[in-house]
Structure formats: structure tokens, C-alpha cells
Amino acid sequence: MRNPVLILSTMNTIAAQKIGAGLSTIGLAGAGIGIGFIFASLVHSISRNPKYSNDLYRAAVFGFALTEAIALFALMIAFLILFV
């Protein structure tokens, strides 16, 4: 007969992994909101001053890349929690 305490301990560890991975994906929602703000500001800025659209676009793409990097880090942490 297997030890019931050991079975419950293993189940609790697996449940904690799943909960931790789910909580770590909250960063993905934040990154999505941030990307929305970046491009909303880009559209607003270009509509106010179209002469600087190339400079504004470069700055927005740079901000998008940094924000997307944060999302990838959050996703990487979720996968590390689940599979390591």
C-alpha cells in the first residue's frame, strides 16, 4: 500500500506548479495593454504632427520590442515552472 501522505504531497506540488504558471502569465496581459498604449500613442502623435512620422514610428517599434521582451520573459518563466 502506498503512503497517502506522499501521494498528497505530490499532488500539492503539481497543483502549486499549475497555479504558479498561471499566475506568471499575468505579465502577458500587462504586456498586451502596454503594446496597445504604445501604438495608440503613435497614432495620436502622428495625427498631431505628421512631419515626424518616421521618427515616431522608430521610437514606437523600439518601445514595442522592449514591451514584447517582457512578455517573452513572463512566458519563459511560466514554461520553466511547468516543465523543469
N, C-alpha and C. Protein backbone atom coordinates (compact mmCIF):
# COMPACT_ATOMS: atom_id res chain seq x y z
N MET A 1 0.85 -1.18 0.00
CA MET A 1 0.00 0.00 0.00
C MET A 1 0.89 1.24 0.00
N ARG A 2 0.51 2.22 -0.84
CA ARG A 2 1.30 3.44 -0.95
C ARG A 2 0.99 4.37 0.21
N ASN A 3 1.96 5.19 0.54
CA ASN A 3 1.82 6.14 1.62
C ASN A 3 0.91 7.30 1.18
N PRO A 4 -0.24 7.51 1.85
CA PRO A 4 -1.17 8.57 1.42
C PRO A 4 -0.59 9.97 1.58
N VAL A 5 0.31 10.18 2.53
CA VAL A 5 0.92 11.50 2.72
C VAL A 5 1.80 11.83 1.53
N LEU A 6 2.53 10.84 1.01
CA LEU A 6 3.39 11.05 -0.14
C LEU A 6 2.57 11.38 -1.39
N ILE A 7 1.43 10.71 -1.54
CA ILE A 7 0.56 10.97 -2.69
C ILE A 7 0.01 12.39 -2.63
N LEU A 8 -0.45 12.83 -1.45
CA LEU A 8 -0.98 14.18 -1.30
C LEU A 8 0.11 15.22 -1.50
N SER A 9 1.31 14.93 -1.04
CA SER A 9 2.42 15.86 -1.22
C SER A 9 2.74 16.05 -2.70
N THR A 10 2.72 14.98 -3.46
CA THR A 10 2.98 15.06 -4.89
C THR A 10 1.87 15.82 -5.60
N MET A 11 0.63 15.58 -5.19
CA MET A 11 -0.50 16.29 -5.80
C MET A 11 -0.44 17.77 -5.48
N ASN A 12 -0.05 18.13 -4.26
CA ASN A 12 0.06 19.53 -3.89
C ASN A 12 1.16 20.22 -4.68
N THR A 13 2.27 19.54 -4.94
CA THR A 13 3.35 20.11 -5.71
C THR A 13 2.93 20.37 -7.14
N ILE A 14 2.22 19.43 -7.73
CA ILE A 14 1.75 19.61 -9.11
C ILE A 14 0.73 20.75 -9.18
N ALA A 15 -0.16 20.81 -8.21
CA ALA A 15 -1.15 21.90 -8.18
C ALA A 15 -0.46 23.24 -8.02
N ALA A 16 0.55 23.32 -7.18
CA ALA A 16 1.28 24.57 -6.99
C ALA A 16 2.01 24.99 -8.26
N GLN A 17 2.53 24.01 -9.01
CA GLN A 17 3.16 24.32 -10.29
C GLN A 17 2.16 24.94 -11.26
N LYS A 18 1.00 24.35 -11.35
CA LYS A 18 -0.02 24.85 -12.28
C LYS A 18 -0.48 26.24 -11.89
N ILE A 19 -0.69 26.46 -10.61
CA ILE A 19 -1.12 27.77 -10.13
C ILE A 19 -0.04 28.81 -10.37
N GLY A 20 1.21 28.47 -10.08
CA GLY A 20 2.32 29.40 -10.30
C GLY A 20 2.50 29.76 -11.76
N ALA A 21 2.35 28.78 -12.64
CA ALA A 21 2.47 29.05 -14.07
C ALA A 21 1.33 29.95 -14.54
N GLY A 22 0.15 29.71 -14.03
CA GLY A 22 -0.98 30.56 -14.40
C GLY A 22 -0.81 31.99 -13.92
N LEU A 23 -0.30 32.15 -12.70
CA LEU A 23 -0.08 33.49 -12.17
C LEU A 23 1.03 34.22 -12.91
N SER A 24 2.02 33.47 -13.39
CA SER A 24 3.12 34.14 -14.08
C SER A 24 2.71 34.65 -15.46
N THR A 25 1.59 34.18 -15.98
CA THR A 25 1.13 34.68 -17.27
C THR A 25 0.36 35.99 -17.16
N ILE A 26 0.19 36.50 -15.96
CA ILE A 26 -0.43 37.82 -15.78
C ILE A 26 0.41 38.88 -16.48
N GLY A 27 1.72 38.66 -16.52
CA GLY A 27 2.60 39.59 -17.22
C GLY A 27 2.29 39.71 -18.70
N LEU A 28 1.72 38.66 -19.28
CA LEU A 28 1.35 38.72 -20.70
C LEU A 28 0.20 39.71 -20.92
N ALA A 29 -0.72 39.76 -20.01
CA ALA A 29 -1.83 40.71 -20.13
C ALA A 29 -1.31 42.14 -20.00
N GLY A 30 -0.39 42.35 -19.08
CA GLY A 30 0.21 43.67 -18.93
C GLY A 30 0.98 44.11 -20.16
N ALA A 31 1.67 43.17 -20.77
CA ALA A 31 2.40 43.49 -21.99
C ALA A 31 1.44 43.83 -23.13
N GLY A 32 0.33 43.12 -23.22
CA GLY A 32 -0.66 43.44 -24.24
C GLY A 32 -1.24 44.83 -24.06
N ILE A 33 -1.51 45.21 -22.84
CA ILE A 33 -2.01 46.56 -22.56
C ILE A 33 -0.95 47.60 -22.91
N GLY A 34 0.30 47.31 -22.56
CA GLY A 34 1.39 48.23 -22.88
C GLY A 34 1.57 48.43 -24.36
N ILE A 35 1.49 47.36 -25.13
CA ILE A 35 1.61 47.47 -26.58
C ILE A 35 0.45 48.28 -27.16
N GLY A 36 -0.73 48.10 -26.61
CA GLY A 36 -1.87 48.90 -27.04
C GLY A 36 -1.66 50.38 -26.78
N PHE A 37 -1.11 50.72 -25.61
CA PHE A 37 -0.83 52.12 -25.30
C PHE A 37 0.23 52.70 -26.23
N ILE A 38 1.25 51.90 -26.56
CA ILE A 38 2.32 52.39 -27.43
C ILE A 38 1.77 52.77 -28.80
N PHE A 39 0.99 51.87 -29.41
CA PHE A 39 0.51 52.16 -30.75
C PHE A 39 -0.64 53.16 -30.75
N ALA A 40 -1.39 53.25 -29.67
CA ALA A 40 -2.41 54.31 -29.58
C ALA A 40 -1.73 55.67 -29.50
N SER A 41 -0.64 55.74 -28.75
CA SER A 41 0.11 56.99 -28.67
C SER A 41 0.77 57.33 -30.00
N LEU A 42 1.21 56.30 -30.72
CA LEU A 42 1.81 56.53 -32.04
C LEU A 42 0.79 57.14 -32.99
N VAL A 43 -0.40 56.58 -33.05
CA VAL A 43 -1.43 57.10 -33.94
C VAL A 43 -1.79 58.53 -33.55
N HIS A 44 -1.91 58.76 -32.26
CA HIS A 44 -2.25 60.11 -31.78
C HIS A 44 -1.14 61.10 -32.14
N SER A 45 0.11 60.72 -31.95
CA SER A 45 1.24 61.62 -32.21
C SER A 45 1.38 61.91 -33.70
N ILE A 46 1.21 60.90 -34.54
CA ILE A 46 1.32 61.12 -35.98
C ILE A 46 0.18 61.99 -36.48
N SER A 47 -1.00 61.83 -35.90
CA SER A 47 -2.12 62.67 -36.34
C SER A 47 -1.92 64.13 -35.94
N ARG A 48 -1.20 64.36 -34.86
CA ARG A 48 -0.94 65.73 -34.43
C ARG A 48 0.24 66.36 -35.17
N ASN A 49 1.23 65.52 -35.53
CA ASN A 49 2.43 66.06 -36.17
C ASN A 49 2.94 65.07 -37.22
N PRO A 50 2.35 65.05 -38.39
CA PRO A 50 2.72 64.04 -39.40
C PRO A 50 4.13 64.21 -39.96
N LYS A 51 4.73 65.36 -39.77
CA LYS A 51 6.08 65.59 -40.29
C LYS A 51 7.11 64.67 -39.65
N TYR A 52 6.88 64.29 -38.42
CA TYR A 52 7.83 63.45 -37.67
C TYR A 52 7.40 61.99 -37.62
N SER A 53 6.63 61.53 -38.57
CA SER A 53 6.08 60.18 -38.51
C SER A 53 7.16 59.10 -38.53
N ASN A 54 8.23 59.30 -39.31
CA ASN A 54 9.30 58.28 -39.35
C ASN A 54 10.01 58.16 -38.01
N ASP A 55 10.32 59.30 -37.39
CA ASP A 55 10.98 59.27 -36.08
C ASP A 55 10.07 58.66 -35.01
N LEU A 56 8.80 59.03 -35.06
CA LEU A 56 7.86 58.49 -34.09
C LEU A 56 7.67 56.99 -34.27
N TYR A 57 7.65 56.55 -35.52
CA TYR A 57 7.48 55.13 -35.79
C TYR A 57 8.67 54.33 -35.27
N ARG A 58 9.88 54.85 -35.48
CA ARG A 58 11.07 54.15 -34.96
C ARG A 58 11.02 54.04 -33.43
N ALA A 59 10.63 55.10 -32.77
CA ALA A 59 10.54 55.07 -31.30
C ALA A 59 9.46 54.09 -30.84
N ALA A 60 8.34 54.03 -31.57
CA ALA A 60 7.26 53.11 -31.19
C ALA A 60 7.69 51.66 -31.39
N VAL A 61 8.41 51.37 -32.46
CA VAL A 61 8.86 50.00 -32.69
C VAL A 61 9.86 49.59 -31.62
N PHE A 62 10.72 50.52 -31.21
CA PHE A 62 11.66 50.22 -30.13
C PHE A 62 10.91 49.94 -28.83
N GLY A 63 9.91 50.74 -28.51
CA GLY A 63 9.09 50.50 -27.32
C GLY A 63 8.33 49.20 -27.40
N PHE A 64 7.84 48.87 -28.60
CA PHE A 64 7.16 47.60 -28.80
C PHE A 64 8.11 46.43 -28.54
N ALA A 65 9.34 46.52 -29.03
CA ALA A 65 10.31 45.44 -28.84
C ALA A 65 10.61 45.23 -27.36
N LEU A 66 10.79 46.31 -26.63
CA LEU A 66 11.07 46.18 -25.19
C LEU A 66 9.88 45.61 -24.44
N THR A 67 8.68 46.04 -24.80
CA THR A 67 7.49 45.52 -24.13
C THR A 67 7.27 44.06 -24.46
N GLU A 68 7.52 43.69 -25.70
CA GLU A 68 7.35 42.29 -26.10
C GLU A 68 8.40 41.40 -25.43
N ALA A 69 9.58 41.95 -25.16
CA ALA A 69 10.61 41.18 -24.45
C ALA A 69 10.13 40.83 -23.05
N ILE A 70 9.46 41.75 -22.39
CA ILE A 70 8.92 41.46 -21.05
C ILE A 70 7.89 40.34 -21.14
N ALA A 71 7.07 40.35 -22.17
CA ALA A 71 6.07 39.29 -22.35
C ALA A 71 6.76 37.94 -22.57
N LEU A 72 7.81 37.94 -23.36
CA LEU A 72 8.53 36.68 -23.59
C LEU A 72 9.19 36.17 -22.32
N PHE A 73 9.69 37.08 -21.50
CA PHE A 73 10.28 36.66 -20.22
C PHE A 73 9.21 36.03 -19.32
N ALA A 74 8.02 36.62 -19.28
CA ALA A 74 6.93 36.06 -18.47
C ALA A 74 6.54 34.68 -18.98
N LEU A 75 6.47 34.52 -20.29
CA LEU A 75 6.13 33.23 -20.87
C LEU A 75 7.22 32.19 -20.58
N MET A 76 8.48 32.63 -20.63
CA MET A 76 9.58 31.74 -20.34
C MET A 76 9.52 31.25 -18.88
N ILE A 77 9.19 32.13 -17.97
CA ILE A 77 9.07 31.75 -16.56
C ILE A 77 7.93 30.76 -16.38
N ALA A 78 6.83 30.96 -17.08
CA ALA A 78 5.71 30.01 -16.98
C ALA A 78 6.13 28.64 -17.46
N PHE A 79 6.85 28.57 -18.57
CA PHE A 79 7.30 27.26 -19.08
C PHE A 79 8.34 26.64 -18.16
N LEU A 80 9.19 27.44 -17.56
CA LEU A 80 10.17 26.89 -16.61
C LEU A 80 9.48 26.30 -15.40
N ILE A 81 8.44 26.97 -14.92
CA ILE A 81 7.71 26.45 -13.76
C ILE A 81 7.03 25.13 -14.11
N LEU A 82 6.47 25.05 -15.31
CA LEU A 82 5.74 23.85 -15.69
C LEU A 82 6.63 22.66 -15.99
N PHE A 83 7.71 22.88 -16.69
CA PHE A 83 8.45 21.76 -17.25
C PHE A 83 9.81 21.50 -16.63
N VAL A 84 10.22 22.26 -15.66
CA VAL A 84 11.52 21.99 -15.01
C VAL A 84 11.32 21.60 -13.58
